[in-house]
Structure formats: C-alpha cells, structure tokens
C-alpha atoms as a PDB file:
ATOM      1  CA  MET A   1     -23.141  39.011  16.620  1.00  0.00           C
ATOM      2  CA  THR A   2     -22.143  41.901  18.858  1.00  0.00           C
ATOM      3  CA  TYR A   3     -21.458  40.937  22.430  1.00  0.00           C
ATOM      4  CA  PHE A   4     -21.028  44.383  23.934  1.00  0.00           C
ATOM      5  CA  ARG A   5     -21.462  47.935  22.707  1.00  0.00           C
ATOM      6  CA  THR A   6     -20.600  51.147  24.459  1.00  0.00           C
ATOM      7  CA  ALA A   7     -20.643  54.772  23.428  1.00  0.00           C
ATOM      8  CA  LYS A   8     -19.599  57.980  25.140  1.00  0.00           C
ATOM      9  CA  VAL A   9     -19.784  61.634  24.184  1.00  0.00           C
ATOM     10  CA  ILE A  10     -17.895  64.721  25.284  1.00  0.00           C
ATOM     11  CA  LYS A  11     -18.877  68.284  24.542  1.00  0.00           C
ATOM     12  CA  GLU A  12     -16.339  71.076  24.654  1.00  0.00           C
ATOM     13  CA  LYS A  13     -17.070  74.565  26.009  1.00  0.00           C
ATOM     14  CA  SER A  14     -17.014  75.775  22.408  1.00  0.00           C
ATOM     15  CA  GLY A  15     -20.012  73.522  21.700  1.00  0.00           C
ATOM     16  CA  LYS A  16     -18.026  71.029  19.604  1.00  0.00           C
ATOM     17  CA  TYR A  17     -18.556  67.369  20.459  1.00  0.00           C
ATOM     18  CA  VAL A  18     -17.011  63.952  19.931  1.00  0.00           C
ATOM     19  CA  SER A  19     -18.824  60.616  20.120  1.00  0.00           C
ATOM     20  CA  ILE A  20     -16.986  57.299  20.246  1.00  0.00           C
ATOM     21  CA  GLU A  21     -18.814  53.994  19.894  1.00  0.00           C
ATOM     22  CA  VAL A  22     -17.205  50.557  20.033  1.00  0.00           C
ATOM     23  CA  GLU A  23     -18.782  47.147  19.452  1.00  0.00           C
ATOM     24  CA  VAL A  24     -16.897  43.992  20.424  1.00  0.00           C
ATOM     25  CA  SER A  25     -17.355  40.267  20.015  1.00  0.00           C
ATOM     26  CA  ARG A  26     -17.588  37.790  22.887  1.00  0.00           C
ATOM     27  CA  GLU A  27     -13.787  37.354  22.561  1.00  0.00           C
ATOM     28  CA  CYS A  28     -13.383  41.102  23.206  1.00  0.00           C
ATOM     29  CA  VAL A  29     -12.296  41.797  19.628  1.00  0.00           C
ATOM     30  CA  VAL A  30     -13.413  45.105  18.127  1.00  0.00           C
ATOM     31  CA  LYS A  31     -15.993  44.547  15.433  1.00  0.00           C
ATOM     32  CA  VAL A  32     -16.827  48.208  14.796  1.00  0.00           C
ATOM     33  CA  ALA A  33     -15.417  51.507  16.020  1.00  0.00           C
ATOM     34  CA  ARG A  34     -17.136  54.795  15.154  1.00  0.00           C
ATOM     35  CA  ILE A  35     -15.762  58.232  15.905  1.00  0.00           C
ATOM     36  CA  THR A  36     -18.069  61.081  14.999  1.00  0.00           C
ATOM     37  CA  GLY A  37     -18.583  64.719  15.897  1.00  0.00           C
ATOM     38  CA  ASP A  38     -18.207  68.250  14.687  1.00  0.00           C
ATOM     39  CA  PHE A  39     -14.457  68.555  15.082  1.00  0.00           C
ATOM     40  CA  PHE A  40     -11.606  68.436  12.576  1.00  0.00           C
ATOM     41  CA  ALA A  41      -8.565  66.199  12.420  1.00  0.00           C
ATOM     42  CA  TYR A  42      -5.416  66.544  10.354  1.00  0.00           C
ATOM     43  CA  PRO A  43      -4.479  64.623   8.389  1.00  0.00           C
ATOM     44  CA  PRO A  44      -8.118  64.308   7.257  1.00  0.00           C
ATOM     45  CA  GLU A  45      -7.976  60.500   7.195  1.00  0.00           C
ATOM     46  CA  ALA A  46      -6.746  60.307  10.801  1.00  0.00           C
ATOM     47  CA  VAL A  47     -10.145  59.394  12.288  1.00  0.00           C
ATOM     48  CA  ASP A  48     -10.731  56.730   9.621  1.00  0.00           C
ATOM     49  CA  ASN A  49      -7.260  55.344  10.334  1.00  0.00           C
ATOM     50  CA  ILE A  50      -8.001  55.083  14.067  1.00  0.00           C
ATOM     51  CA  GLU A  51     -11.288  53.277  13.376  1.00  0.00           C
ATOM     52  CA  LYS A  52      -9.569  50.883  10.961  1.00  0.00           C
ATOM     53  CA  TYR A  53      -6.695  50.341  13.401  1.00  0.00           C
ATOM     54  CA  LEU A  54      -9.146  49.234  16.103  1.00  0.00           C
ATOM     55  CA  ALA A  55     -11.162  46.875  13.891  1.00  0.00           C
ATOM     56  CA  GLY A  56     -10.212  43.249  14.440  1.00  0.00           C
ATOM     57  CA  LYS A  57      -7.995  43.933  17.461  1.00  0.00           C
ATOM     58  CA  LYS A  58      -8.494  42.504  20.936  1.00  0.00           C
ATOM     59  CA  VAL A  59      -9.064  45.237  23.515  1.00  0.00           C
ATOM     60  CA  THR A  60      -6.072  45.306  25.871  1.00  0.00           C
ATOM     61  CA  HIS A  61      -4.058  47.880  27.805  1.00  0.00           C
ATOM     62  CA  SER A  62      -1.385  47.528  25.138  1.00  0.00           C
ATOM     63  CA  LEU A  63      -3.894  48.504  22.451  1.00  0.00           C
ATOM     64  CA  ILE A  64      -4.819  51.614  24.440  1.00  0.00           C
ATOM     65  CA  GLU A  65      -1.164  52.623  24.728  1.00  0.00           C
ATOM     66  CA  ASP A  66      -0.644  52.071  20.993  1.00  0.00           C
ATOM     67  CA  LEU A  67      -3.630  54.331  20.266  1.00  0.00           C
ATOM     68  CA  ARG A  68      -2.232  57.095  22.455  1.00  0.00           C
ATOM     69  CA  THR A  69       0.934  57.039  20.373  1.00  0.00           C
ATOM     70  CA  LEU A  70      -1.098  57.086  17.150  1.00  0.00           C
ATOM     71  CA  ILE A  71      -3.205  60.032  18.372  1.00  0.00           C
ATOM     72  CA  ASN A  72      -0.099  62.037  19.285  1.00  0.00           C
ATOM     73  CA  ASP A  73       0.549  62.464  15.548  1.00  0.00           C
ATOM     74  CA  VAL A  74      -2.944  63.864  14.899  1.00  0.00           C
ATOM     75  CA  VAL A  75      -3.774  67.574  14.968  1.00  0.00           C
ATOM     76  CA  LEU A  76      -7.276  68.155  16.348  1.00  0.00           C
ATOM     77  CA  ALA A  77      -9.378  71.300  16.064  1.00  0.00           C
ATOM     78  CA  GLY A  78     -12.561  71.782  18.051  1.00  0.00           C
ATOM     79  CA  VAL A  79     -11.661  69.228  20.704  1.00  0.00           C
ATOM     80  CA  GLY A  80      -8.616  68.934  22.932  1.00  0.00           C
ATOM     81  CA  ARG A  81      -6.244  66.044  22.310  1.00  0.00           C
ATOM     82  CA  ASP A  82      -6.221  65.097  26.012  1.00  0.00           C
ATOM     83  CA  ARG A  83     -10.032  64.983  26.152  1.00  0.00           C
ATOM     84  CA  PHE A  84     -10.161  62.976  22.923  1.00  0.00           C
ATOM     85  CA  GLN A  85      -7.609  60.462  24.246  1.00  0.00           C
ATOM     86  CA  SER A  86      -9.388  60.290  27.586  1.00  0.00           C
ATOM     87  CA  LEU A  87     -12.739  59.588  25.923  1.00  0.00           C
ATOM     88  CA  LEU A  88     -11.268  56.829  23.766  1.00  0.00           C
ATOM     89  CA  THR A  89      -9.491  55.327  26.776  1.00  0.00           C
ATOM     90  CA  ASP A  90     -12.702  55.426  28.856  1.00  0.00           C
ATOM     91  CA  VAL A  91     -14.670  53.635  26.140  1.00  0.00           C
ATOM     92  CA  LEU A  92     -12.044  50.919  25.708  1.00  0.00           C
ATOM     93  CA  GLU A  93     -11.604  50.430  29.466  1.00  0.00           C
ATOM     94  CA  GLU A  94     -15.373  50.021  29.843  1.00  0.00           C
ATOM     95  CA  VAL A  95     -15.252  47.351  27.135  1.00  0.00           C
ATOM     96  CA  MET A  96     -12.376  45.573  28.938  1.00  0.00           C
ATOM     97  CA  LYS A  97     -14.350  45.553  32.215  1.00  0.00           C
ATOM     98  CA  ALA A  98     -17.345  44.026  30.478  1.00  0.00           C
ATOM     99  CA  CYS A  99     -15.142  41.376  28.894  1.00  0.00           C
ATOM    100  CA  ARG A 100     -13.486  40.501  32.226  1.00  0.00           C
ATOM    101  CA  LYS A 101     -16.864  40.319  33.947  1.00  0.00           C
ATOM    102  CA  SER A 102     -18.197  38.029  31.233  1.00  0.00           C
ATOM    103  CA  ALA A 103     -15.130  35.782  31.435  1.00  0.00           C
ATOM    104  CA  ALA A 104     -15.560  35.465  35.221  1.00  0.00           C
ATOM    105  CA  GLU A 105     -19.186  34.317  34.906  1.00  0.00           C
END
C-alpha cells in the first residue's frame, strides 16, 4: 500500500520536459520511482539506474546527496543537469516533509 505519492514536472525553454514521480510506504521507503520525459541521458541506462537506486531506500538527506553524486556522472540532453537535480531534490524533500508530518501525528 502506498502511503504518499508526489510528482513534479519541469519544462525547459526548448520544450523538453522531465517528470519525476515517487511513491513511498508509511515508513518513508521508496516503493516506486518513475522518471519520464522527452530528454536523453547517457549512458542510456542512467535513468533506469536512478529509479532502481531509489527503490527500497528510506528517503533521507543522505540519500539526496548520494543521488547528486550519481547524477554528476550522467550526461543529459534536452534538460539541464541542475534543473534535473533540483526537480529530484524537490520531490524527495516533499516526501520527507510528508513523512515527518505523519510521524508527528
């Protein structure tokens, strides 16, 4: 059962877009991460690797930092690396807020 789901989209001036969706359990563990859009990443499996890396991990600031390091090795076309990282960070921080709020209730 999914406890919380959030998704955000950015659209570049060129018209390219990125959508990131994350679903977490009540324990704030990523159940599903989806990264879609009309951009390119090299190596081609980079987006799949990021999604797989997130699956099963608890959302923490440390996880966000680890992802930034992982993304630094990815070449992106159609979307800026900083905007991509910012979008992913925003989604994960929103998830963390929801988890903290739930834990406080």
